[in-house]
């Protein structure tokens, strides 16, 4: 009989010999991943559960959250779940959990207050200060004396730079608990930041007023000199104003790339950023501060003390240079005597300062390019 039992046992063990696997077995190479798909052994549950892809997990969730539980019990489940996510600093999932809890619309006033307050905290840590404030307001509507909601709302107002509102929330909270340390800290911080904001605002207004005063003085100095700023008025505009000396703040904007503008010195003199153009070579020179009483020849001597790299023929020497400006409206050219001052040229009836930067053409006397450039154009002498 013992021999028969041993034979039966050997026959039973033989069933597990060979390459075949029993139905539903784990794959030897991926068993850990498959094991993690079993709901009870999952390390991380998916954020969204598709019943078709995870029927077991969907069923388990339904048993936990729906089933025969009351709306209060379900809301509490979601609150606890949100708290767990919050402790793990997974604030996005915490927001989802608290939101699901609020969707249950349970009749527990205290629970709904906590859900709003906790969601306010998670929104705050996510940087969603406006949403956090909305939740704090909602929590206070349910329970005006809820200190945590008041603290959250005050913190949000500080982050949103609503310092007066933050202090008001703190005062309301301190009526409930005069020793609440967090509210005392927030009120002190909000008061300090409010004072800084007011100080900066006063400084900004003072600076704005100072700059406006400087601009007005500058404009007056320009207008008193009868210097005209572009854009050149149209024929209709000239017919209306009949005043070429009129200037505006817009006319002082600079397009020279350096940000430099005409400057009124304490002595009452003007210095201008001036641009020299060399059309033959497509080159330019920029003088950042050209005093209005300086002569052009004084600058040319310094500028061409050494020949620039692009002047391969070494023909740009002060004595051979000619200066011009162009009347864009009429297309005429005006030749400038290098011994004249910048102010004398700017006061010429046909000169208009464009973009706050006087500009002049520089040509070489009797050079082939100069003759070609001036050919067919009416050239006037500036007296």
Protein backbone atom coordinates (compact mmCIF):
# COMPACT_ATOMS: atom_id res chain seq x y z
CA UNK A 1 0.00 0.00 0.00
CA UNK A 2 2.86 2.31 0.85
CA UNK A 3 4.31 1.58 -2.59
CA UNK A 4 1.04 2.64 -4.23
CA UNK A 5 0.93 5.93 -2.27
CA UNK A 6 4.52 6.73 -3.24
CA UNK A 7 3.73 5.98 -6.88
CA UNK A 8 0.73 8.35 -6.74
CA UNK A 9 2.91 11.09 -5.22
CA UNK A 10 5.54 10.65 -7.95
CA UNK A 11 2.82 10.87 -10.57
CA UNK A 12 1.56 14.14 -9.00
CA UNK A 13 5.06 15.67 -9.03
CA UNK A 14 5.57 14.61 -12.63
CA UNK A 15 2.85 17.06 -13.62
CA UNK A 16 5.20 19.94 -12.72
CA UNK A 17 8.14 18.62 -14.70
CA UNK A 18 8.96 19.84 -18.18
CA UNK A 19 8.78 23.26 -19.89
CA UNK A 20 5.03 23.82 -19.58
CA UNK A 21 3.75 26.52 -17.15
CA UNK A 22 0.46 26.58 -15.32
CA UNK A 23 -2.23 28.93 -16.61
CA UNK A 24 -1.91 32.54 -15.34
CA UNK A 25 1.69 32.17 -14.14
CA UNK A 26 4.04 35.19 -13.89
CA UNK A 27 6.69 35.57 -16.57
CA UNK A 28 10.11 34.83 -15.02
CA UNK A 29 11.64 38.00 -16.54
CA UNK A 30 8.84 40.46 -15.73
CA UNK A 31 7.27 39.01 -12.60
CA UNK A 32 8.07 42.10 -10.49
CA UNK A 33 6.18 44.43 -12.84
CA UNK A 34 3.24 42.00 -13.05
CA UNK A 35 3.19 41.66 -9.27
CA UNK A 36 2.98 45.44 -8.94
CA UNK A 37 -0.20 45.44 -11.06
CA UNK A 38 -2.13 43.56 -8.38
CA UNK A 39 -4.13 46.28 -6.51
CA UNK A 40 -3.35 45.03 -3.01
CA UNK A 41 0.42 44.97 -3.73
CA UNK A 42 0.64 48.22 -5.73
CA UNK A 43 3.34 50.64 -4.64
CA UNK A 44 1.85 53.59 -6.56
CA UNK A 45 -1.75 53.74 -7.74
CA UNK A 46 -2.49 55.50 -11.06
CA UNK A 47 -3.92 59.03 -10.84
CA UNK A 48 -6.81 58.13 -13.17
CA UNK A 49 -8.30 54.66 -13.19
CA UNK A 50 -9.73 53.22 -16.41
CA UNK A 51 -12.20 50.39 -15.56
CA UNK A 52 -11.40 48.60 -18.83
CA UNK A 53 -7.64 48.61 -18.23
CA UNK A 54 -7.75 48.10 -14.44
CA UNK A 55 -11.07 46.40 -13.60
CA UNK A 56 -9.81 45.02 -10.29
CA UNK A 57 -8.53 48.42 -9.15
CA UNK A 58 -11.72 50.16 -10.28
CA UNK A 59 -13.75 47.63 -8.34
CA UNK A 60 -11.66 48.14 -5.21
CA UNK A 61 -11.98 51.92 -5.50
CA UNK A 62 -15.72 51.61 -5.90
CA UNK A 63 -15.91 49.47 -2.77
CA UNK A 64 -13.86 52.00 -0.81
CA UNK A 65 -15.41 55.28 -1.98
CA UNK A 66 -18.86 54.48 -3.19
CA UNK A 67 -20.48 51.30 -1.99
CA UNK A 68 -22.93 51.94 0.79
CA UNK A 69 -20.92 54.73 2.42
CA UNK A 70 -22.60 58.03 3.17
CA UNK A 71 -21.48 61.26 1.49
CA UNK A 72 -19.88 62.29 4.80
CA UNK A 73 -17.90 59.05 4.96
CA UNK A 74 -16.78 59.38 1.36
CA UNK A 75 -15.78 63.03 1.88
CA UNK A 76 -13.80 62.00 4.95
CA UNK A 77 -12.05 59.28 2.91
CA UNK A 78 -10.98 61.86 0.33
CA UNK A 79 -9.88 64.27 3.06
CA UNK A 80 -7.64 61.63 4.60
CA UNK A 81 -6.30 60.68 1.18
CA UNK A 82 -5.53 64.35 0.48
CA UNK A 83 -3.77 64.65 3.83
CA UNK A 84 -1.57 61.68 2.96
CA UNK A 85 -0.65 63.24 -0.39
CA UNK A 86 0.01 66.56 1.36
CA UNK A 87 2.42 64.90 3.81
CA UNK A 88 4.22 63.38 0.81
CA UNK A 89 4.34 66.91 -0.76
CA UNK A 90 2.37 65.61 -3.74
CA UNK A 91 0.28 68.77 -3.78
CA UNK A 92 -1.35 68.25 -7.17
CA UNK A 93 -2.85 64.92 -6.09
CA UNK A 94 -3.82 66.45 -2.76
CA UNK A 95 -5.82 69.14 -4.58
CA UNK A 96 -7.61 66.45 -6.59
CA UNK A 97 -8.49 64.50 -3.43
CA UNK A 98 -9.82 67.53 -1.56
CA UNK A 99 -11.81 68.56 -4.63
CA UNK A 100 -13.38 65.10 -4.85
CA UNK A 101 -14.29 65.36 -1.20
CA UNK A 102 -16.04 68.70 -1.77
CA UNK A 103 -17.93 67.24 -4.72
CA UNK A 104 -19.70 64.89 -2.31
CA UNK A 105 -21.53 67.94 -0.89
CA UNK A 106 -21.94 66.35 2.48
CA UNK A 107 -23.89 68.09 5.24
CA UNK A 108 -20.94 68.16 7.67
CA UNK A 109 -20.13 71.88 7.92
CA UNK A 110 -16.90 71.31 9.82
CA UNK A 111 -15.65 68.74 7.28
CA UNK A 112 -16.37 71.00 4.32
CA UNK A 113 -14.56 73.84 6.10
CA UNK A 114 -11.51 71.65 6.59
CA UNK A 115 -11.59 70.48 2.97
CA UNK A 116 -11.58 74.10 1.75
CA UNK A 117 -8.86 75.09 4.22
CA UNK A 118 -6.66 72.12 3.33
CA UNK A 119 -7.11 72.73 -0.38
CA UNK A 120 -6.15 76.37 0.24
CA UNK A 121 -2.93 75.12 1.82
CA UNK A 122 -2.09 72.90 -1.16
CA UNK A 123 -2.86 75.66 -3.65
CA UNK A 124 -0.64 77.97 -1.62
CA UNK A 125 2.32 75.59 -1.84
CA UNK A 126 1.71 75.25 -5.59
CA UNK A 127 1.90 79.03 -5.94
CA UNK A 128 -1.79 79.34 -6.86
CA UNK A 129 -2.37 82.20 -4.46
CA UNK A 130 -5.61 83.42 -6.00
CA UNK A 131 -7.16 79.93 -5.88
CA UNK A 132 -5.88 79.48 -2.33
CA UNK A 133 -7.48 82.77 -1.30
CA UNK A 134 -10.79 81.73 -2.86
CA UNK A 135 -10.74 78.54 -0.77
CA UNK A 136 -9.92 80.50 2.39
CA UNK A 137 -12.86 82.83 1.71
CA UNK A 138 -15.14 79.82 1.12
CA UNK A 139 -14.00 78.23 4.38
CA UNK A 140 -14.71 81.44 6.32
CA UNK A 141 -18.19 81.63 4.84
CA UNK A 142 -18.87 78.20 6.29
CA UNK A 143 -17.12 78.96 9.59
CA UNK A 144 -16.03 82.60 10.15
CA UNK A 145 -14.06 81.68 13.28
CA UNK A 146 -11.86 79.08 11.58
CA UNK A 147 -8.36 80.33 12.42
CA UNK A 148 -6.51 78.17 9.90
CA UNK A 149 -8.62 79.62 7.07
CA UNK A 150 -7.90 83.15 8.33
CA UNK A 151 -4.17 82.42 8.47
CA UNK A 152 -4.20 80.98 4.94
CA UNK A 153 -6.12 83.96 3.60
CA UNK A 154 -3.76 86.43 5.26
CA UNK A 155 -0.74 84.63 3.79
CA UNK A 156 -2.31 84.72 0.32
CA UNK A 157 -2.99 88.46 0.59
CA UNK A 158 0.68 89.03 1.45
CA UNK A 159 1.83 87.03 -1.58
CA UNK A 160 -0.63 88.94 -3.79
CA UNK A 161 0.77 92.21 -2.34
CA UNK A 162 -2.60 93.09 -0.80
CA UNK A 163 -0.94 94.28 2.39
CA UNK A 164 -3.87 96.24 3.82
CA UNK A 165 -6.20 93.27 3.30
CA UNK A 166 -3.65 90.94 4.91
CA UNK A 167 -3.50 93.15 7.99
CA UNK A 168 -7.31 93.29 8.15
CA UNK A 169 -7.53 89.48 8.09
CA UNK A 170 -4.91 89.30 10.84
CA UNK A 171 -6.86 91.75 13.00
CA UNK A 172 -10.01 89.65 12.64
CA UNK A 173 -8.11 86.50 13.58
CA UNK A 174 -6.45 88.16 16.56
CA UNK A 175 -9.86 89.09 17.93
CA UNK A 176 -10.46 85.34 18.20
CA UNK A 177 -7.00 84.55 19.56
CA UNK A 178 -4.86 87.58 20.53
CA UNK A 179 -1.84 85.32 21.11
CA UNK A 180 -1.87 83.54 17.75
CA UNK A 181 1.84 83.71 16.86
CA UNK A 182 1.43 83.14 13.12
CA UNK A 183 -1.08 85.98 12.76
CA UNK A 184 1.17 88.32 14.72
CA UNK A 185 4.07 87.47 12.40
CA UNK A 186 1.98 87.95 9.25
CA UNK A 187 0.62 91.29 10.48
CA UNK A 188 4.15 92.54 11.23
CA UNK A 189 5.40 91.41 7.82
CA UNK A 190 2.43 92.93 5.96
CA UNK A 191 2.85 96.23 7.81
CA UNK A 192 6.57 96.35 6.98
CA UNK A 193 5.98 95.53 3.30
CA UNK A 194 3.20 98.08 3.08
CA UNK A 195 5.51 100.79 4.42
CA UNK A 196 8.20 99.79 1.92
CA UNK A 197 5.67 99.86 -0.92
CA UNK A 198 4.45 103.32 0.10
CA UNK A 199 8.04 104.58 0.40
CA UNK A 200 8.94 103.22 -3.05
CA UNK A 201 5.80 104.79 -4.49
CA UNK A 202 6.74 108.18 -3.04
CA UNK A 203 10.27 107.85 -4.42
CA UNK A 204 8.91 106.86 -7.85
CA UNK A 205 6.55 109.83 -7.91
CA UNK A 206 9.34 112.17 -6.83
CA UNK A 207 11.65 110.78 -9.51
CA UNK A 208 8.91 111.03 -12.12
CA UNK A 209 8.24 114.63 -11.14
CA UNK A 210 11.98 115.40 -11.24
CA UNK A 211 12.39 113.82 -14.69
CA UNK A 212 9.34 115.66 -15.98
CA UNK A 213 10.76 118.92 -14.71
CA UNK A 214 14.10 118.16 -16.41
CA UNK A 215 12.34 117.32 -19.68
CA UNK A 216 10.37 120.54 -19.56
CA UNK A 217 13.54 122.54 -18.94
CA UNK A 218 15.27 120.70 -21.79
CA UNK A 219 12.39 121.33 -24.17
CA UNK A 220 12.34 124.97 -23.25
CA UNK A 221 16.09 125.24 -23.92
CA UNK A 222 15.64 123.61 -27.33
CA UNK A 223 12.65 125.76 -28.22
CA UNK A 224 14.39 128.95 -27.07
CA UNK A 225 17.20 128.13 -29.52
CA UNK A 226 14.67 127.66 -32.35
CA UNK A 227 15.92 124.09 -32.94
CA UNK A 228 13.43 121.91 -34.78
CA UNK A 229 12.86 118.22 -34.09
CA UNK A 230 11.65 115.59 -36.54
CA UNK A 231 9.38 114.06 -37.63
CA UNK A 232 9.04 116.80 -40.22
CA UNK A 233 5.46 118.10 -40.13
CA UNK A 234 3.28 117.43 -43.15
CA UNK A 235 1.90 120.26 -45.26
CA UNK A 236 -1.47 120.02 -43.47
CA UNK A 237 0.19 120.07 -40.05
CA UNK A 238 2.28 123.09 -41.05
CA UNK A 239 -0.85 124.88 -42.23
CA UNK A 240 -2.44 124.29 -38.84
CA UNK A 241 0.47 125.11 -36.55
CA UNK A 242 2.73 127.30 -38.71
CA UNK A 243 5.35 126.84 -36.02
CA UNK A 244 8.45 124.82 -36.96
CA UNK A 245 9.98 125.55 -33.59
CA UNK A 246 7.33 123.51 -31.73
CA UNK A 247 8.82 120.42 -30.07
CA UNK A 248 7.50 117.48 -28.09
CA UNK A 249 8.83 114.81 -25.74
CA UNK A 250 8.42 112.20 -28.49
CA UNK A 251 10.96 114.06 -30.59
CA UNK A 252 13.65 113.35 -28.01
CA UNK A 253 13.43 109.57 -28.22
CA UNK A 254 16.76 108.11 -29.32
CA UNK A 255 17.28 105.49 -32.00
CA UNK A 256 21.08 105.60 -31.94
CA UNK A 257 21.29 102.27 -30.10
CA UNK A 258 23.25 103.69 -27.16
CA UNK A 259 20.29 105.25 -25.38
CA UNK A 260 22.11 108.62 -25.17
CA UNK A 261 20.07 111.78 -25.53
CA UNK A 262 20.55 115.51 -25.64
CA UNK A 263 21.52 116.78 -22.20
CA UNK A 264 21.00 120.15 -20.53
CA UNK A 265 24.02 121.02 -18.40
CA UNK A 266 23.81 122.99 -15.16
CA UNK A 267 25.41 125.90 -17.03
CA UNK A 268 22.44 125.99 -19.40
CA UNK A 269 24.37 124.60 -22.40
CA UNK A 270 23.27 121.63 -24.48
CA UNK A 271 25.34 118.62 -25.46
CA UNK A 272 24.09 116.33 -28.20
CA UNK A 273 24.82 112.80 -29.40
CA UNK A 274 25.98 113.32 -33.00
CA UNK A 275 26.26 110.82 -35.85
CA UNK A 276 28.71 111.13 -38.78
CA UNK A 277 27.92 109.10 -41.90
CA UNK A 278 30.47 108.03 -44.54
CA UNK A 279 28.32 106.89 -47.50
CA UNK A 280 31.33 105.95 -49.64
CA UNK A 281 32.28 103.16 -47.23
CA UNK A 282 29.01 102.54 -45.41
CA UNK A 283 30.67 103.51 -42.12
CA UNK A 284 29.64 105.73 -39.20
CA UNK A 285 31.14 107.56 -36.23
CA UNK A 286 29.24 108.42 -33.07
CA UNK A 287 30.11 111.27 -30.71
CA UNK A 288 28.26 110.82 -27.43
CA UNK A 289 28.58 114.41 -26.17
CA UNK A 290 29.04 117.14 -28.79
CA UNK A 291 28.85 120.52 -27.02
CA UNK A 292 26.68 122.96 -28.92
CA UNK A 293 29.43 125.61 -28.97
CA UNK A 294 32.08 123.19 -30.30
CA UNK A 295 33.22 123.52 -33.93
CA UNK A 296 33.07 120.59 -36.32
CA UNK A 297 36.75 121.04 -37.20
CA UNK A 298 37.74 120.42 -33.57
CA UNK A 299 36.15 116.97 -33.65
CA UNK A 300 37.37 116.07 -37.14
CA UNK A 301 40.98 116.68 -36.12
CA UNK A 302 40.67 114.26 -33.22
CA UNK A 303 38.65 111.68 -35.15
CA UNK A 304 41.11 111.50 -38.04
CA UNK A 305 44.34 111.93 -36.13
CA UNK A 306 44.95 108.38 -37.34
CA UNK A 307 43.39 106.95 -40.48
CA UNK A 308 40.56 104.46 -39.82
CA UNK A 309 41.07 100.89 -40.98
CA UNK A 310 38.45 101.22 -43.71
CA UNK A 311 40.28 104.22 -45.28
CA UNK A 312 42.74 102.12 -47.27
CA UNK A 313 43.58 105.05 -49.58
CA UNK A 314 44.36 107.34 -46.62
CA UNK A 315 42.34 110.14 -48.18
CA UNK A 316 40.17 110.99 -45.17
CA UNK A 317 42.24 113.82 -43.69
CA UNK A 318 40.63 116.84 -41.96
CA UNK A 319 41.66 119.39 -44.59
CA UNK A 320 40.07 117.38 -47.41
CA UNK A 321 36.79 116.59 -45.70
CA UNK A 322 33.48 118.24 -46.50
CA UNK A 323 30.39 118.18 -44.28
CA UNK A 324 26.79 118.14 -45.45
CA UNK A 325 23.28 117.62 -44.20
CA UNK A 326 20.30 116.61 -46.28
CA UNK A 327 16.89 118.25 -46.38
CA UNK A 328 14.79 115.10 -46.65
CA UNK A 329 11.58 116.96 -47.42
CA UNK A 330 13.00 118.85 -50.42
CA UNK A 331 15.88 116.55 -51.34
CA UNK A 332 18.40 119.40 -51.23
CA UNK A 333 21.92 119.17 -49.78
CA UNK A 334 23.49 121.80 -47.50
CA UNK A 335 27.26 122.12 -47.16
CA UNK A 336 28.57 123.05 -43.72
CA UNK A 337 31.67 125.11 -43.01
CA UNK A 338 33.77 122.98 -40.60
CA UNK A 339 34.56 126.12 -38.61
CA UNK A 340 30.90 126.64 -37.67
CA UNK A 341 29.54 125.42 -34.36
CA UNK A 342 26.98 122.68 -33.90
CA UNK A 343 24.45 125.19 -32.56
CA UNK A 344 24.75 127.36 -35.67
CA UNK A 345 23.89 124.39 -37.87
CA UNK A 346 21.04 123.17 -35.67
CA UNK A 347 19.49 126.64 -35.83
CA UNK A 348 19.42 126.55 -39.64
CA UNK A 349 15.86 126.95 -40.91
CA UNK A 350 16.05 123.70 -42.95
CA UNK A 351 17.73 121.50 -40.36
CA UNK A 352 15.57 119.05 -38.39
CA UNK A 353 16.97 116.86 -35.62
CA UNK A 354 15.80 113.30 -36.26
CA UNK A 355 15.28 110.89 -33.34
CA UNK A 356 17.10 113.24 -31.00
CA UNK A 357 20.43 112.70 -32.81
CA UNK A 358 21.86 115.23 -35.29
CA UNK A 359 23.42 113.44 -38.28
CA UNK A 360 25.86 114.71 -40.93
CA UNK A 361 27.40 113.37 -44.14
CA UNK A 362 31.19 113.33 -44.55
CA UNK A 363 32.68 113.31 -48.09
CA UNK A 364 36.17 113.78 -49.49
CA UNK A 365 36.58 116.93 -51.55
CA UNK A 366 36.80 116.33 -55.34
CA UNK A 367 36.83 112.52 -54.88
CA UNK A 368 35.08 110.60 -57.68
CA UNK A 369 32.52 109.15 -55.24
CA UNK A 370 31.73 112.61 -53.85
CA UNK A 371 31.11 114.02 -57.32
CA UNK A 372 28.87 111.09 -58.18
CA UNK A 373 26.99 111.34 -54.89
CA UNK A 374 26.28 115.06 -55.31
CA UNK A 375 25.54 114.89 -59.05
CA UNK A 376 22.11 116.23 -59.92
CA UNK A 377 21.42 117.51 -56.40
CA UNK A 378 21.00 121.13 -55.41
CA UNK A 379 23.78 122.04 -52.98
CA UNK A 380 23.36 125.06 -50.70
CA UNK A 381 26.01 126.69 -48.54
CA UNK A 382 25.21 127.12 -44.88
CA UNK A 383 25.92 130.69 -43.93
